[in-house]
Amino acid sequence: MAFKISDDCISCGACASGCPCDAITEGATKYEIDAEKCCSCGACASGCPVEAISEE
């Protein structure tokens, strides 16, 4: 199951730098996770300082 980033995202980039699958990119207003690339490891969620990432 892929993860998703909520509107609580502060665009700090911590999730992208911690993603081993390179599934996270910077969007227009927040970072976004490509569900096709996401390996559901949870590294992004554990690295988010505002807890804006959860499982879909």
N, C-alpha and C. Protein backbone atom coordinates (compact mmCIF):
# COMPACT_ATOMS: atom_id res chain seq x y z
N MET A 1 0.84 -1.18 0.00
CA MET A 1 0.00 0.00 0.00
C MET A 1 0.89 1.25 0.00
N ALA A 2 0.59 2.16 -0.87
CA ALA A 2 1.38 3.38 -1.01
C ALA A 2 1.04 4.38 0.09
N PHE A 3 1.92 5.33 0.26
CA PHE A 3 1.72 6.40 1.23
C PHE A 3 1.23 7.65 0.49
N LYS A 4 0.65 8.58 1.24
CA LYS A 4 0.20 9.84 0.65
C LYS A 4 0.62 10.99 1.56
N ILE A 5 0.77 12.16 0.97
CA ILE A 5 1.18 13.35 1.70
C ILE A 5 -0.02 14.29 1.78
N SER A 6 -0.35 14.72 2.98
CA SER A 6 -1.51 15.59 3.19
C SER A 6 -1.14 17.05 2.94
N ASP A 7 -2.15 17.90 3.03
CA ASP A 7 -1.94 19.34 2.85
C ASP A 7 -1.18 19.96 4.02
N ASP A 8 -0.89 19.18 5.05
CA ASP A 8 -0.09 19.66 6.17
C ASP A 8 1.40 19.77 5.81
N CYS A 9 1.77 19.25 4.64
CA CYS A 9 3.16 19.27 4.16
C CYS A 9 3.71 20.70 4.15
N ILE A 10 4.92 20.87 4.69
CA ILE A 10 5.58 22.19 4.73
C ILE A 10 6.68 22.29 3.67
N SER A 11 6.74 21.31 2.76
CA SER A 11 7.71 21.30 1.65
C SER A 11 9.15 21.41 2.10
N CYS A 12 9.50 20.70 3.16
CA CYS A 12 10.87 20.75 3.67
C CYS A 12 11.81 19.81 2.91
N GLY A 13 11.25 18.77 2.28
CA GLY A 13 12.06 17.84 1.50
C GLY A 13 12.64 16.67 2.27
N ALA A 14 12.36 16.58 3.57
CA ALA A 14 12.89 15.48 4.37
C ALA A 14 12.42 14.13 3.84
N CYS A 15 11.20 14.06 3.39
CA CYS A 15 10.65 12.80 2.88
C CYS A 15 11.36 12.35 1.60
N ALA A 16 11.60 13.29 0.71
CA ALA A 16 12.23 12.96 -0.57
C ALA A 16 13.66 12.47 -0.38
N SER A 17 14.39 13.10 0.52
CA SER A 17 15.78 12.69 0.73
C SER A 17 15.88 11.34 1.41
N GLY A 18 14.82 10.94 2.12
CA GLY A 18 14.84 9.65 2.81
C GLY A 18 14.21 8.51 2.04
N CYS A 19 13.67 8.78 0.86
CA CYS A 19 12.98 7.75 0.08
C CYS A 19 13.96 6.91 -0.74
N PRO A 20 14.05 5.60 -0.46
CA PRO A 20 14.98 4.75 -1.19
C PRO A 20 14.50 4.41 -2.61
N CYS A 21 13.26 4.71 -2.91
CA CYS A 21 12.68 4.37 -4.22
C CYS A 21 12.60 5.57 -5.16
N ASP A 22 13.03 6.73 -4.72
CA ASP A 22 12.92 7.96 -5.50
C ASP A 22 11.49 8.18 -5.98
N ALA A 23 10.52 7.92 -5.10
CA ALA A 23 9.11 8.03 -5.46
C ALA A 23 8.52 9.40 -5.10
N ILE A 24 9.31 10.27 -4.48
CA ILE A 24 8.78 11.55 -4.01
C ILE A 24 9.41 12.71 -4.76
N THR A 25 8.54 13.59 -5.27
CA THR A 25 8.99 14.76 -6.00
C THR A 25 8.29 16.00 -5.46
N GLU A 26 8.88 17.15 -5.72
CA GLU A 26 8.29 18.40 -5.26
C GLU A 26 7.17 18.81 -6.22
N GLY A 27 5.98 18.99 -5.67
CA GLY A 27 4.84 19.44 -6.47
C GLY A 27 4.69 20.95 -6.38
N ALA A 28 3.58 21.45 -6.90
CA ALA A 28 3.34 22.90 -6.92
C ALA A 28 3.18 23.47 -5.51
N THR A 29 2.46 22.77 -4.64
CA THR A 29 2.21 23.29 -3.30
C THR A 29 2.70 22.39 -2.18
N LYS A 30 3.06 21.14 -2.50
CA LYS A 30 3.55 20.18 -1.52
C LYS A 30 4.29 19.07 -2.25
N TYR A 31 4.99 18.23 -1.50
CA TYR A 31 5.66 17.09 -2.12
C TYR A 31 4.61 16.03 -2.45
N GLU A 32 4.90 15.22 -3.46
CA GLU A 32 3.96 14.21 -3.92
C GLU A 32 4.65 12.86 -4.04
N ILE A 33 3.89 11.79 -3.77
CA ILE A 33 4.42 10.43 -3.86
C ILE A 33 3.83 9.73 -5.07
N ASP A 34 4.69 9.19 -5.91
CA ASP A 34 4.26 8.40 -7.06
C ASP A 34 3.93 7.00 -6.56
N ALA A 35 2.66 6.65 -6.54
CA ALA A 35 2.21 5.36 -6.00
C ALA A 35 2.81 4.18 -6.76
N GLU A 36 3.13 4.36 -8.03
CA GLU A 36 3.72 3.29 -8.84
C GLU A 36 5.14 2.97 -8.38
N LYS A 37 5.87 3.97 -7.92
CA LYS A 37 7.25 3.78 -7.49
C LYS A 37 7.38 3.46 -6.00
N CYS A 38 6.37 3.82 -5.21
CA CYS A 38 6.42 3.66 -3.76
C CYS A 38 6.53 2.18 -3.38
N CYS A 39 7.51 1.86 -2.53
CA CYS A 39 7.71 0.47 -2.09
C CYS A 39 7.11 0.24 -0.69
N SER A 40 6.37 1.21 -0.18
CA SER A 40 5.65 1.12 1.10
C SER A 40 6.57 0.82 2.29
N CYS A 41 7.77 1.36 2.27
CA CYS A 41 8.71 1.10 3.35
C CYS A 41 8.47 1.96 4.58
N GLY A 42 7.85 3.13 4.39
CA GLY A 42 7.55 4.01 5.51
C GLY A 42 8.66 4.98 5.88
N ALA A 43 9.76 4.98 5.15
CA ALA A 43 10.87 5.88 5.47
C ALA A 43 10.43 7.34 5.40
N CYS A 44 9.58 7.66 4.46
CA CYS A 44 9.10 9.03 4.31
C CYS A 44 8.29 9.47 5.52
N ALA A 45 7.41 8.61 5.99
CA ALA A 45 6.55 8.94 7.13
C ALA A 45 7.36 9.14 8.40
N SER A 46 8.35 8.29 8.60
CA SER A 46 9.15 8.42 9.81
C SER A 46 10.06 9.64 9.78
N GLY A 47 10.36 10.15 8.58
CA GLY A 47 11.23 11.31 8.47
C GLY A 47 10.51 12.64 8.40
N CYS A 48 9.18 12.61 8.35
CA CYS A 48 8.40 13.85 8.22
C CYS A 48 8.28 14.56 9.57
N PRO A 49 8.75 15.80 9.67
CA PRO A 49 8.71 16.50 10.95
C PRO A 49 7.32 16.98 11.37
N VAL A 50 6.36 17.01 10.43
CA VAL A 50 5.01 17.46 10.76
C VAL A 50 3.96 16.35 10.64
N GLU A 51 4.43 15.12 10.49
CA GLU A 51 3.56 13.94 10.38
C GLU A 51 2.47 14.10 9.32
N ALA A 52 2.88 14.59 8.13
CA ALA A 52 1.95 14.84 7.04
C ALA A 52 1.80 13.63 6.11
N ILE A 53 2.47 12.53 6.42
CA ILE A 53 2.46 11.36 5.54
C ILE A 53 1.81 10.18 6.23
N SER A 54 0.90 9.53 5.51
CA SER A 54 0.20 8.36 6.05
C SER A 54 -0.05 7.35 4.94
N GLU A 55 -0.40 6.12 5.34
CA GLU A 55 -0.72 5.10 4.35
C GLU A 55 -2.07 5.39 3.73
N GLU A 56 -2.19 5.09 2.44
CA GLU A 56 -3.47 5.30 1.75
C GLU A 56 -4.45 4.23 2.15
